[in-house]
């Protein structure tokens, strides 16, 4: 009869157990240090998105302005916000077809917004339009700068896409 010598198990990494002289390790059920439950990650994401900058960073916004069938047609905006910078595109329908606009702007520290739309389309009489408004993490409004061609300034409410 031979007696086997049993050596105590050694914890080597987190919650893994490895016997001395063995190259195999066995995991012990349960959580090891440094891991968080899945609901904790979701909670962190939700909390981060509830801040004004969390809502605004990298989000897509869309909206259609007011307008008429004449020289001031509605403008469809599709923009993003990243670190207070606004960028994207817009389109408007004219009697000759669609016009593509480049959208650029900034959000100031006081949540004031300044946006400029530009087009290279030679058929458009006014190729640059200035818009101003105020930012809100859920929606925001822009109003077109005064123009003699438009009876009423166009207004757009942008909402998250």
N, C-alpha and C. Protein backbone atom coordinates (compact mmCIF):
# COMPACT_ATOMS: atom_id res chain seq x y z
N UNK A 1 0.83 -1.16 0.00
CA UNK A 1 0.00 0.00 0.00
C UNK A 1 0.89 1.24 0.00
N UNK A 2 0.62 2.18 -0.93
CA UNK A 2 1.37 3.43 -1.00
C UNK A 2 0.47 4.57 -0.55
N UNK A 3 1.07 5.45 0.12
CA UNK A 3 0.34 6.64 0.56
C UNK A 3 0.66 7.78 -0.40
N UNK A 4 -0.38 8.48 -0.85
CA UNK A 4 -0.17 9.63 -1.70
C UNK A 4 -0.06 10.87 -0.84
N UNK A 5 0.84 11.69 -1.23
CA UNK A 5 1.04 12.93 -0.50
C UNK A 5 0.18 14.02 -1.13
N UNK A 6 -0.68 14.67 -0.37
CA UNK A 6 -1.54 15.74 -0.87
C UNK A 6 -0.97 17.07 -0.42
N UNK A 7 -0.76 17.95 -1.41
CA UNK A 7 -0.28 19.29 -1.09
C UNK A 7 -1.45 20.25 -1.17
N UNK A 8 -1.41 21.28 -0.37
CA UNK A 8 -2.53 22.23 -0.38
C UNK A 8 -2.61 22.97 -1.72
N UNK A 9 -3.83 23.33 -2.11
CA UNK A 9 -4.03 24.11 -3.34
C UNK A 9 -3.60 25.55 -3.12
N UNK A 10 -3.17 26.18 -4.19
CA UNK A 10 -2.69 27.55 -4.12
C UNK A 10 -3.53 28.40 -5.07
N UNK A 11 -4.00 29.54 -4.58
CA UNK A 11 -4.73 30.48 -5.43
C UNK A 11 -3.69 31.31 -6.15
N UNK A 12 -3.72 31.25 -7.48
CA UNK A 12 -2.70 31.96 -8.25
C UNK A 12 -3.21 33.23 -8.91
N UNK A 13 -4.39 33.18 -9.49
CA UNK A 13 -4.92 34.35 -10.20
C UNK A 13 -6.39 34.50 -9.88
N UNK A 14 -6.75 35.60 -9.22
CA UNK A 14 -8.16 35.86 -8.94
C UNK A 14 -8.78 34.73 -8.16
N UNK A 15 -9.69 33.99 -8.78
CA UNK A 15 -10.41 32.91 -8.12
C UNK A 15 -10.07 31.55 -8.73
N UNK A 16 -8.89 31.43 -9.35
CA UNK A 16 -8.47 30.15 -9.91
C UNK A 16 -7.60 29.43 -8.90
N UNK A 17 -7.74 28.11 -8.88
CA UNK A 17 -6.97 27.29 -7.96
C UNK A 17 -6.04 26.41 -8.77
N UNK A 18 -4.78 26.35 -8.33
CA UNK A 18 -3.81 25.52 -9.03
C UNK A 18 -3.01 24.75 -7.99
N UNK A 19 -2.92 23.45 -8.18
CA UNK A 19 -2.14 22.61 -7.27
C UNK A 19 -0.67 22.79 -7.59
N UNK A 20 0.22 22.78 -6.59
CA UNK A 20 1.65 22.92 -6.86
C UNK A 20 2.12 21.81 -7.79
N UNK A 21 2.97 22.17 -8.74
CA UNK A 21 3.51 21.20 -9.68
C UNK A 21 2.56 20.90 -10.83
N UNK A 22 1.35 21.42 -10.80
CA UNK A 22 0.37 21.16 -11.85
C UNK A 22 0.31 22.36 -12.78
N UNK A 23 0.01 22.07 -14.04
CA UNK A 23 -0.11 23.16 -15.01
C UNK A 23 -1.57 23.46 -15.30
N UNK A 24 -2.47 22.76 -14.66
CA UNK A 24 -3.90 22.97 -14.83
C UNK A 24 -4.46 23.82 -13.71
N UNK A 25 -5.33 24.73 -14.05
CA UNK A 25 -6.00 25.50 -13.01
C UNK A 25 -7.50 25.30 -13.16
N UNK A 26 -8.17 25.40 -12.06
CA UNK A 26 -9.62 25.19 -12.01
C UNK A 26 -10.26 26.47 -11.50
N UNK A 27 -11.30 26.92 -12.20
CA UNK A 27 -12.00 28.14 -11.77
C UNK A 27 -13.00 27.81 -10.68
N UNK A 28 -13.05 28.67 -9.72
CA UNK A 28 -14.06 28.55 -8.67
C UNK A 28 -15.24 29.40 -9.10
N UNK A 29 -16.46 28.85 -9.06
CA UNK A 29 -17.63 29.64 -9.46
C UNK A 29 -17.74 30.91 -8.63
N UNK A 30 -18.23 31.93 -9.26
CA UNK A 30 -18.43 33.22 -8.58
C UNK A 30 -17.68 34.31 -9.31
N UNK A 31 -17.77 35.47 -8.79
CA UNK A 31 -17.15 36.64 -9.41
C UNK A 31 -15.73 36.79 -8.96
N UNK A 32 -14.86 37.14 -9.89
CA UNK A 32 -13.50 37.46 -9.49
C UNK A 32 -13.38 38.97 -9.38
N UNK A 33 -12.35 39.42 -8.76
CA UNK A 33 -12.18 40.87 -8.56
C UNK A 33 -12.04 41.57 -9.91
N UNK A 34 -12.49 42.82 -9.96
CA UNK A 34 -12.36 43.62 -11.16
C UNK A 34 -13.51 43.47 -12.14
N UNK A 35 -14.40 42.56 -11.93
CA UNK A 35 -15.55 42.38 -12.81
C UNK A 35 -16.78 42.94 -12.12
N UNK A 36 -17.64 43.59 -12.90
CA UNK A 36 -18.87 44.11 -12.33
C UNK A 36 -20.04 43.42 -12.99
N UNK A 37 -21.13 43.33 -12.30
CA UNK A 37 -22.30 42.68 -12.89
C UNK A 37 -22.81 43.48 -14.09
N UNK A 38 -23.48 42.83 -15.05
CA UNK A 38 -23.95 43.52 -16.26
C UNK A 38 -24.85 44.70 -15.96
N UNK A 39 -25.67 44.63 -14.95
CA UNK A 39 -26.58 45.75 -14.66
C UNK A 39 -25.81 46.98 -14.20
N UNK A 40 -24.62 46.80 -13.59
CA UNK A 40 -23.83 47.95 -13.16
C UNK A 40 -23.31 48.74 -14.36
N UNK A 41 -22.91 48.04 -15.42
CA UNK A 41 -22.45 48.71 -16.64
C UNK A 41 -23.59 49.50 -17.27
N UNK A 42 -24.77 48.91 -17.31
CA UNK A 42 -25.93 49.60 -17.87
C UNK A 42 -26.26 50.85 -17.06
N UNK A 43 -26.17 50.74 -15.74
CA UNK A 43 -26.43 51.89 -14.87
C UNK A 43 -25.43 53.01 -15.13
N UNK A 44 -24.16 52.67 -15.32
CA UNK A 44 -23.15 53.69 -15.61
C UNK A 44 -23.43 54.39 -16.94
N UNK A 45 -23.83 53.65 -17.95
CA UNK A 45 -24.15 54.24 -19.24
C UNK A 45 -25.34 55.18 -19.12
N UNK A 46 -26.37 54.76 -18.41
CA UNK A 46 -27.55 55.61 -18.24
C UNK A 46 -27.22 56.89 -17.49
N UNK A 47 -26.42 56.78 -16.45
CA UNK A 47 -26.04 57.97 -15.70
C UNK A 47 -25.21 58.93 -16.54
N UNK A 48 -24.31 58.39 -17.33
CA UNK A 48 -23.47 59.25 -18.19
C UNK A 48 -24.30 59.95 -19.25
N UNK A 49 -25.33 59.28 -19.76
CA UNK A 49 -26.13 59.89 -20.82
C UNK A 49 -27.10 60.93 -20.28
N UNK A 50 -27.32 60.99 -18.99
CA UNK A 50 -28.25 61.96 -18.42
C UNK A 50 -27.65 63.35 -18.24
N UNK A 51 -26.35 63.48 -18.43
CA UNK A 51 -25.74 64.80 -18.35
C UNK A 51 -25.95 65.50 -19.68
N UNK A 52 -25.96 66.82 -19.70
CA UNK A 52 -26.15 67.52 -20.98
C UNK A 52 -25.11 67.13 -22.01
N UNK A 53 -23.85 66.95 -21.59
CA UNK A 53 -22.82 66.61 -22.56
C UNK A 53 -22.95 65.15 -22.98
N UNK A 54 -23.41 64.29 -22.09
CA UNK A 54 -23.63 62.89 -22.44
C UNK A 54 -24.71 62.74 -23.48
N UNK A 55 -25.79 63.51 -23.33
CA UNK A 55 -26.85 63.46 -24.32
C UNK A 55 -26.37 64.00 -25.66
N UNK A 56 -25.56 65.03 -25.62
CA UNK A 56 -25.19 65.72 -26.84
C UNK A 56 -24.07 65.04 -27.61
N UNK A 57 -23.17 64.39 -26.93
CA UNK A 57 -21.98 63.87 -27.60
C UNK A 57 -22.32 62.77 -28.61
N UNK A 58 -22.00 63.04 -29.89
CA UNK A 58 -22.15 62.04 -30.91
C UNK A 58 -23.57 61.68 -31.27
N UNK A 59 -24.55 62.41 -30.77
CA UNK A 59 -25.94 62.10 -31.07
C UNK A 59 -26.34 62.66 -32.42
N UNK A 60 -27.31 61.99 -33.04
CA UNK A 60 -27.86 62.43 -34.31
C UNK A 60 -29.17 63.17 -34.06
N UNK A 61 -29.32 64.28 -34.77
CA UNK A 61 -30.51 65.12 -34.63
C UNK A 61 -31.11 65.35 -36.00
N UNK A 62 -32.42 65.48 -36.04
CA UNK A 62 -33.10 65.70 -37.31
C UNK A 62 -34.30 66.62 -37.10
N UNK A 63 -34.71 67.27 -38.17
CA UNK A 63 -35.88 68.14 -38.11
C UNK A 63 -36.12 68.81 -39.45
N UNK A 64 -37.36 69.25 -39.67
CA UNK A 64 -37.74 69.95 -40.90
C UNK A 64 -38.23 71.34 -40.52
N UNK A 65 -37.70 72.33 -41.20
CA UNK A 65 -38.08 73.72 -40.89
C UNK A 65 -39.42 74.06 -41.53
N UNK A 66 -39.95 75.18 -41.10
CA UNK A 66 -41.12 75.74 -41.77
C UNK A 66 -40.64 76.30 -43.10
N UNK A 67 -41.54 76.69 -43.96
CA UNK A 67 -41.16 77.26 -45.25
C UNK A 67 -42.35 77.32 -46.18
N UNK A 68 -42.11 77.74 -47.42
CA UNK A 68 -43.18 77.84 -48.41
C UNK A 68 -42.70 77.21 -49.72
N UNK A 69 -43.50 77.30 -50.73
CA UNK A 69 -43.14 76.72 -52.03
C UNK A 69 -42.35 77.69 -52.89
N UNK A 70 -42.13 78.89 -52.41
CA UNK A 70 -41.40 79.89 -53.18
C UNK A 70 -39.91 79.86 -52.90
N UNK A 71 -39.32 81.03 -52.65
CA UNK A 71 -37.87 81.12 -52.47
C UNK A 71 -37.39 80.62 -51.10
N UNK A 72 -38.31 80.30 -50.20
CA UNK A 72 -37.95 79.87 -48.85
C UNK A 72 -38.57 78.51 -48.52
N UNK A 73 -38.12 77.44 -49.20
CA UNK A 73 -38.72 76.12 -48.95
C UNK A 73 -38.27 75.54 -47.61
N UNK A 74 -39.00 74.55 -47.09
CA UNK A 74 -38.57 73.89 -45.87
C UNK A 74 -37.19 73.24 -46.06
N UNK A 75 -36.44 73.18 -44.97
CA UNK A 75 -35.10 72.58 -44.99
C UNK A 75 -35.11 71.39 -44.05
N UNK A 76 -34.67 70.23 -44.55
CA UNK A 76 -34.58 69.00 -43.74
C UNK A 76 -33.15 68.89 -43.22
N UNK A 77 -32.99 68.95 -41.88
CA UNK A 77 -31.68 68.88 -41.24
C UNK A 77 -31.38 67.47 -40.76
N UNK A 78 -30.14 67.02 -40.93
CA UNK A 78 -29.60 65.79 -40.35
C UNK A 78 -28.21 66.12 -39.85
N UNK A 79 -28.08 66.30 -38.53
CA UNK A 79 -26.80 66.78 -37.98
C UNK A 79 -26.37 65.93 -36.79
N UNK A 80 -25.10 66.07 -36.44
CA UNK A 80 -24.55 65.45 -35.24
C UNK A 80 -23.92 66.52 -34.38
N UNK A 81 -23.79 66.21 -33.09
CA UNK A 81 -23.11 67.10 -32.16
C UNK A 81 -21.97 66.31 -31.54
N UNK A 82 -20.79 66.88 -31.57
CA UNK A 82 -19.64 66.23 -30.95
C UNK A 82 -18.80 67.31 -30.28
N UNK A 83 -18.72 67.24 -28.95
CA UNK A 83 -17.92 68.19 -28.17
C UNK A 83 -18.31 69.64 -28.45
N UNK A 84 -19.59 69.90 -28.61
CA UNK A 84 -20.07 71.26 -28.82
C UNK A 84 -20.03 71.73 -30.26
N UNK A 85 -19.53 70.90 -31.16
CA UNK A 85 -19.49 71.25 -32.59
C UNK A 85 -20.64 70.56 -33.31
N UNK A 86 -21.28 71.31 -34.18
CA UNK A 86 -22.41 70.80 -34.95
C UNK A 86 -21.95 70.61 -36.38
N UNK A 87 -22.30 69.49 -36.97
CA UNK A 87 -21.94 69.23 -38.36
C UNK A 87 -22.96 68.31 -38.99
N UNK A 88 -23.05 68.37 -40.30
CA UNK A 88 -23.98 67.48 -40.98
C UNK A 88 -24.41 68.06 -42.31
N UNK A 89 -25.62 67.70 -42.72
CA UNK A 89 -26.13 68.16 -44.00
C UNK A 89 -27.61 68.50 -43.88
N UNK A 90 -28.09 69.15 -44.91
CA UNK A 90 -29.50 69.51 -44.99
C UNK A 90 -29.90 69.49 -46.46
N UNK A 91 -31.17 69.32 -46.71
CA UNK A 91 -31.68 69.36 -48.08
C UNK A 91 -32.92 70.24 -48.13
N UNK A 92 -33.16 70.81 -49.28
CA UNK A 92 -34.39 71.57 -49.51
C UNK A 92 -34.87 71.27 -50.92
N UNK A 93 -36.18 71.26 -51.09
CA UNK A 93 -36.79 70.97 -52.39
C UNK A 93 -37.23 72.27 -53.05
N UNK A 94 -36.75 72.47 -54.26
CA UNK A 94 -37.14 73.65 -55.06
C UNK A 94 -37.88 73.16 -56.29
N UNK A 95 -38.41 74.09 -57.09
CA UNK A 95 -39.12 73.69 -58.30
C UNK A 95 -38.20 72.98 -59.29
N UNK A 96 -36.90 73.25 -59.25
CA UNK A 96 -35.94 72.59 -60.16
C UNK A 96 -35.38 71.29 -59.59
N UNK A 97 -35.63 71.01 -58.29
CA UNK A 97 -35.13 69.78 -57.68
C UNK A 97 -34.57 70.03 -56.29
N UNK A 98 -33.83 69.07 -55.79
CA UNK A 98 -33.29 69.15 -54.43
C UNK A 98 -31.97 69.90 -54.40
N UNK A 99 -31.74 70.57 -53.28
CA UNK A 99 -30.47 71.27 -53.04
C UNK A 99 -29.85 70.70 -51.77
N UNK A 100 -28.56 70.41 -51.84
CA UNK A 100 -27.83 69.88 -50.69
C UNK A 100 -27.09 71.02 -50.00
N UNK A 101 -27.20 71.06 -48.67
CA UNK A 101 -26.56 72.10 -47.87
C UNK A 101 -25.56 71.45 -46.91
N UNK A 102 -24.45 72.12 -46.68
CA UNK A 102 -23.49 71.71 -45.65
C UNK A 102 -23.84 72.48 -44.39
N UNK A 103 -23.89 71.79 -43.24
CA UNK A 103 -24.28 72.42 -41.97
C UNK A 103 -23.08 72.41 -41.03
N UNK A 104 -22.75 73.57 -40.47
CA UNK A 104 -21.68 73.70 -39.49
C UNK A 104 -22.15 74.68 -38.42
N UNK A 105 -21.73 74.43 -37.17
CA UNK A 105 -22.11 75.34 -36.10
C UNK A 105 -21.46 74.99 -34.78
N UNK A 106 -21.78 75.79 -33.77
CA UNK A 106 -21.22 75.61 -32.43
C UNK A 106 -22.30 75.82 -31.38
N UNK A 107 -22.10 75.14 -30.23
CA UNK A 107 -22.93 75.37 -29.06
C UNK A 107 -22.04 76.05 -28.04
N UNK A 108 -22.45 77.24 -27.57
CA UNK A 108 -21.65 77.96 -26.58
C UNK A 108 -21.88 77.40 -25.19
N UNK A 109 -21.08 77.85 -24.24
CA UNK A 109 -21.21 77.36 -22.86
C UNK A 109 -22.57 77.71 -22.26
N UNK A 110 -23.23 78.73 -22.75
CA UNK A 110 -24.56 79.11 -22.27
C UNK A 110 -25.68 78.43 -23.04
N UNK A 111 -25.37 77.37 -23.78
CA UNK A 111 -26.33 76.59 -24.58
C UNK A 111 -26.91 77.38 -25.75
N UNK A 112 -26.27 78.47 -26.13
CA UNK A 112 -26.69 79.21 -27.31
C UNK A 112 -26.09 78.54 -28.54
N UNK A 113 -26.87 78.46 -29.62
CA UNK A 113 -26.45 77.75 -30.83
C UNK A 113 -26.36 78.72 -31.99
N UNK A 114 -25.29 78.58 -32.77
CA UNK A 114 -25.15 79.32 -34.02
C UNK A 114 -24.82 78.31 -35.10
N UNK A 115 -25.64 78.28 -36.16
CA UNK A 115 -25.48 77.32 -37.24
C UNK A 115 -25.46 78.07 -38.56
N UNK A 116 -24.66 77.57 -39.48
CA UNK A 116 -24.60 78.13 -40.83
C UNK A 116 -24.82 77.01 -41.83
N UNK A 117 -25.73 77.23 -42.77
CA UNK A 117 -25.93 76.28 -43.86
C UNK A 117 -25.40 76.93 -45.14
N UNK A 118 -24.63 76.14 -45.91
CA UNK A 118 -24.05 76.63 -47.17
C UNK A 118 -24.30 75.64 -48.27
N UNK A 119 -24.52 76.17 -49.47
CA UNK A 119 -24.65 75.33 -50.66
C UNK A 119 -23.82 75.93 -51.79
N UNK A 120 -23.38 75.06 -52.68
CA UNK A 120 -22.64 75.50 -53.87
C UNK A 120 -23.54 75.51 -55.10
N UNK A 121 -24.82 75.21 -54.90
CA UNK A 121 -25.77 75.15 -56.01
C UNK A 121 -25.99 76.56 -56.57
N UNK A 122 -25.62 76.81 -57.83
CA UNK A 122 -25.76 78.16 -58.41
C UNK A 122 -27.21 78.59 -58.61
N UNK A 123 -28.15 77.67 -58.57
CA UNK A 123 -29.56 78.02 -58.77
C UNK A 123 -30.19 78.66 -57.54
N UNK A 124 -29.53 78.54 -56.39
CA UNK A 124 -30.06 79.10 -55.15
C UNK A 124 -29.59 80.56 -55.04
N UNK A 125 -30.55 81.47 -54.81
CA UNK A 125 -30.21 82.90 -54.74
C UNK A 125 -29.35 83.21 -53.50
N UNK A 126 -29.73 82.69 -52.37
CA UNK A 126 -28.99 82.94 -51.12
C UNK A 126 -28.29 81.64 -50.72
N UNK A 127 -26.98 81.57 -50.90
CA UNK A 127 -26.23 80.32 -50.71
C UNK A 127 -25.75 80.08 -49.28
N UNK A 128 -25.88 81.07 -48.41
CA UNK A 128 -25.51 80.91 -47.00
C UNK A 128 -26.67 81.41 -46.15
N UNK A 129 -27.07 80.59 -45.20
CA UNK A 129 -28.16 80.97 -44.30
C UNK A 129 -27.66 80.81 -42.86
N UNK A 130 -27.86 81.83 -42.06
CA UNK A 130 -27.48 81.81 -40.64
C UNK A 130 -28.71 81.44 -39.81
N UNK A 131 -28.51 80.58 -38.80
CA UNK A 131 -29.57 80.17 -37.90
C UNK A 131 -29.07 80.35 -36.47
N UNK A 132 -29.95 80.74 -35.57
CA UNK A 132 -29.59 80.88 -34.14
C UNK A 132 -30.66 80.20 -33.30
N UNK A 133 -30.29 79.84 -32.09
CA UNK A 133 -31.26 79.22 -31.19
C UNK A 133 -30.62 78.84 -29.88
N UNK A 134 -31.30 77.98 -29.13
CA UNK A 134 -30.77 77.52 -27.85
C UNK A 134 -30.87 76.00 -27.80
N UNK A 135 -29.87 75.39 -27.18
CA UNK A 135 -29.77 73.93 -27.10
C UNK A 135 -30.43 73.41 -25.84
N UNK A 136 -31.13 72.30 -25.98
CA UNK A 136 -31.73 71.57 -24.87
C UNK A 136 -31.39 70.10 -25.12
N UNK A 137 -31.01 69.32 -24.10
CA UNK A 137 -30.62 67.92 -24.34
C UNK A 137 -31.70 67.05 -24.98
N UNK A 138 -32.96 67.45 -24.92
CA UNK A 138 -34.03 66.65 -25.51
C UNK A 138 -34.44 67.15 -26.90
N UNK A 139 -34.43 68.45 -27.10
CA UNK A 139 -34.76 69.04 -28.40
C UNK A 139 -34.19 70.45 -28.42
N UNK A 140 -34.07 71.02 -29.60
CA UNK A 140 -33.64 72.41 -29.68
C UNK A 140 -34.20 73.05 -30.93
N UNK A 141 -34.38 74.36 -30.84
CA UNK A 141 -34.99 75.14 -31.91
C UNK A 141 -33.96 76.06 -32.55
N UNK A 142 -34.09 76.23 -33.86
CA UNK A 142 -33.27 77.19 -34.60
C UNK A 142 -34.21 78.11 -35.36
N UNK A 143 -33.82 79.38 -35.47
CA UNK A 143 -34.59 80.35 -36.24
C UNK A 143 -33.66 80.97 -37.26
N UNK A 144 -34.14 81.07 -38.48
CA UNK A 144 -33.37 81.66 -39.57
C UNK A 144 -33.18 83.15 -39.33
N UNK A 145 -31.99 83.65 -39.67
CA UNK A 145 -31.75 85.09 -39.60
C UNK A 145 -32.66 85.79 -40.61
N UNK A 146 -33.04 87.01 -40.32
CA UNK A 146 -33.97 87.76 -41.17
C UNK A 146 -33.46 87.85 -42.61
N UNK A 147 -34.41 87.72 -43.55
CA UNK A 147 -34.09 87.80 -44.97
C UNK A 147 -35.27 88.43 -45.69
N UNK A 148 -34.99 89.33 -46.60
CA UNK A 148 -36.07 90.01 -47.33
C UNK A 148 -36.84 89.07 -48.24
N UNK A 149 -36.20 88.00 -48.70
CA UNK A 149 -36.87 87.06 -49.62
C UNK A 149 -37.94 86.24 -48.92
N UNK A 150 -37.79 86.04 -47.62
CA UNK A 150 -38.76 85.23 -46.86
C UNK A 150 -39.69 86.15 -46.07
N UNK A 151 -40.98 85.95 -46.23
CA UNK A 151 -41.95 86.77 -45.50
C UNK A 151 -41.82 86.55 -43.99
N UNK A 152 -41.64 85.30 -43.59
CA UNK A 152 -41.45 84.95 -42.18
C UNK A 152 -40.15 84.15 -42.06
N UNK A 153 -39.37 84.38 -41.01
CA UNK A 153 -38.17 83.55 -40.83
C UNK A 153 -38.56 82.09 -40.61
N UNK A 154 -37.79 81.19 -41.21
CA UNK A 154 -38.05 79.76 -41.02
C UNK A 154 -37.59 79.33 -39.62
N UNK A 155 -38.30 78.36 -39.06
CA UNK A 155 -38.01 77.83 -37.73
C UNK A 155 -37.94 76.32 -37.84
N UNK A 156 -37.01 75.70 -37.12
CA UNK A 156 -36.91 74.24 -37.09
C UNK A 156 -36.72 73.77 -35.66
N UNK A 157 -37.42 72.70 -35.30
CA UNK A 157 -37.22 72.04 -34.01
C UNK A 157 -36.49 70.73 -34.28
N UNK A 158 -35.31 70.60 -33.75
CA UNK A 158 -34.52 69.38 -33.96
C UNK A 158 -34.72 68.44 -32.78
N UNK A 159 -34.87 67.18 -33.08
CA UNK A 159 -35.02 66.16 -32.04
C UNK A 159 -34.05 65.01 -32.33
N UNK A 160 -33.78 64.25 -31.29
CA UNK A 160 -32.84 63.13 -31.43
C UNK A 160 -33.42 62.06 -32.35
N UNK A 161 -32.53 61.52 -33.15
CA UNK A 161 -32.92 60.46 -34.07
C UNK A 161 -32.69 59.12 -33.44
